[in-house]
Amino acid sequence: MPVRNTVRRFIDEKLKITRYEFSERTGLSKTTVYSLYDNPEQIPNGIALNKICDYYKIQPGELLEWSED
């Protein structure tokens, strides 16, 4: 799949928080957060994307990237 999520990079490099903290702040379930974090091929659904973007005031492009792989 050419589009991948960059949630792991966002959490680890930009926010420097735990997955648990990310879940608590955004209101996403731990299952969703851990799944997105561990699997870059999983694309967040609209609800998850909206929650993350709304809480952190970011554009969806900060969480998704296109790759030729």
C-alpha atoms as a PDB file:
ATOM      1  CA  MET A   1       0.000   0.000   0.000  1.00  0.00           C
ATOM      2  CA  PRO A   2       1.594   3.302  -1.021  1.00  0.00           C
ATOM      3  CA  VAL A   3      -0.045   5.460   1.671  1.00  0.00           C
ATOM      4  CA  ARG A   4       1.191   4.893   5.213  1.00  0.00           C
ATOM      5  CA  ASN A   5       0.509   6.462   8.560  1.00  0.00           C
ATOM      6  CA  THR A   6       3.299   8.234  10.412  1.00  0.00           C
ATOM      7  CA  VAL A   7       1.679   8.040  13.843  1.00  0.00           C
ATOM      8  CA  ARG A   8       4.723   6.340  15.402  1.00  0.00           C
ATOM      9  CA  ARG A   9       7.020   9.139  14.215  1.00  0.00           C
ATOM     10  CA  PHE A  10       4.505  11.794  15.319  1.00  0.00           C
ATOM     11  CA  ILE A  11       4.217  10.324  18.825  1.00  0.00           C
ATOM     12  CA  ASP A  12       7.899   9.470  19.325  1.00  0.00           C
ATOM     13  CA  GLU A  13       9.687  12.353  17.609  1.00  0.00           C
ATOM     14  CA  LYS A  14       7.315  15.300  17.702  1.00  0.00           C
ATOM     15  CA  LEU A  15       5.246  14.759  20.833  1.00  0.00           C
ATOM     16  CA  LYS A  16       7.699  12.619  22.828  1.00  0.00           C
ATOM     17  CA  ILE A  17       4.899  10.996  24.814  1.00  0.00           C
ATOM     18  CA  THR A  18       3.717   7.428  25.371  1.00  0.00           C
ATOM     19  CA  ARG A  19       1.028   5.728  23.332  1.00  0.00           C
ATOM     20  CA  TYR A  20      -1.093   5.673  26.480  1.00  0.00           C
ATOM     21  CA  GLU A  21      -0.803   9.460  26.872  1.00  0.00           C
ATOM     22  CA  PHE A  22      -1.675   9.913  23.194  1.00  0.00           C
ATOM     23  CA  SER A  23      -4.780   7.761  23.692  1.00  0.00           C
ATOM     24  CA  GLU A  24      -5.854   9.687  26.779  1.00  0.00           C
ATOM     25  CA  ARG A  25      -5.356  13.090  25.152  1.00  0.00           C
ATOM     26  CA  THR A  26      -7.088  12.330  21.858  1.00  0.00           C
ATOM     27  CA  GLY A  27      -9.884  10.175  23.247  1.00  0.00           C
ATOM     28  CA  LEU A  28      -8.986   7.294  20.922  1.00  0.00           C
ATOM     29  CA  SER A  29      -9.107   3.777  22.288  1.00  0.00           C
ATOM     30  CA  LYS A  30      -5.824   2.191  23.273  1.00  0.00           C
ATOM     31  CA  THR A  31      -6.522  -0.534  20.708  1.00  0.00           C
ATOM     32  CA  THR A  32      -6.760   2.035  17.906  1.00  0.00           C
ATOM     33  CA  VAL A  33      -3.655   3.920  18.988  1.00  0.00           C
ATOM     34  CA  TYR A  34      -1.536   0.798  19.440  1.00  0.00           C
ATOM     35  CA  SER A  35      -2.737  -0.542  16.103  1.00  0.00           C
ATOM     36  CA  LEU A  36      -1.854   2.673  14.253  1.00  0.00           C
ATOM     37  CA  TYR A  37       1.479   2.885  16.057  1.00  0.00           C
ATOM     38  CA  ASP A  38       2.482  -0.707  15.317  1.00  0.00           C
ATOM     39  CA  ASN A  39       1.166  -0.953  11.749  1.00  0.00           C
ATOM     40  CA  PRO A  40       2.045   1.903   9.376  1.00  0.00           C
ATOM     41  CA  GLU A  41      -0.118   0.328   6.682  1.00  0.00           C
ATOM     42  CA  GLN A  42      -3.240   0.922   8.762  1.00  0.00           C
ATOM     43  CA  ILE A  43      -4.803   4.200   7.715  1.00  0.00           C
ATOM     44  CA  PRO A  44      -6.771   6.021  10.435  1.00  0.00           C
ATOM     45  CA  ASN A  45     -10.480   6.274   9.732  1.00  0.00           C
ATOM     46  CA  GLY A  46     -12.127   9.683   9.486  1.00  0.00           C
ATOM     47  CA  ILE A  47     -13.169   9.798  13.129  1.00  0.00           C
ATOM     48  CA  ALA A  48      -9.678   8.957  14.420  1.00  0.00           C
ATOM     49  CA  LEU A  49      -8.043  11.385  12.001  1.00  0.00           C
ATOM     50  CA  ASN A  50     -10.414  14.161  13.075  1.00  0.00           C
ATOM     51  CA  LYS A  51      -9.782  13.530  16.779  1.00  0.00           C
ATOM     52  CA  ILE A  52      -6.001  13.650  16.352  1.00  0.00           C
ATOM     53  CA  CYS A  53      -6.013  16.690  14.065  1.00  0.00           C
ATOM     54  CA  ASP A  54      -8.508  18.559  16.240  1.00  0.00           C
ATOM     55  CA  TYR A  55      -6.622  17.941  19.493  1.00  0.00           C
ATOM     56  CA  TYR A  56      -3.180  18.800  18.110  1.00  0.00           C
ATOM     57  CA  LYS A  57      -4.378  21.418  15.591  1.00  0.00           C
ATOM     58  CA  ILE A  58      -2.538  19.756  12.701  1.00  0.00           C
ATOM     59  CA  GLN A  59      -3.238  18.915   9.077  1.00  0.00           C
ATOM     60  CA  PRO A  60      -3.925  15.249   8.152  1.00  0.00           C
ATOM     61  CA  GLY A  61      -0.772  15.308   6.015  1.00  0.00           C
ATOM     62  CA  GLU A  62       1.285  15.282   9.202  1.00  0.00           C
ATOM     63  CA  LEU A  63      -0.014  11.773   9.892  1.00  0.00           C
ATOM     64  CA  LEU A  64       0.050  10.291   6.381  1.00  0.00           C
ATOM     65  CA  GLU A  65       2.718   9.892   3.738  1.00  0.00           C
ATOM     66  CA  TRP A  66       2.929   8.406   0.288  1.00  0.00           C
ATOM     67  CA  SER A  67       5.645   5.859  -0.421  1.00  0.00           C
ATOM     68  CA  GLU A  68       6.599   3.979  -3.567  1.00  0.00           C
ATOM     69  CA  ASP A  69       7.271   0.783  -1.589  1.00  0.00           C
END
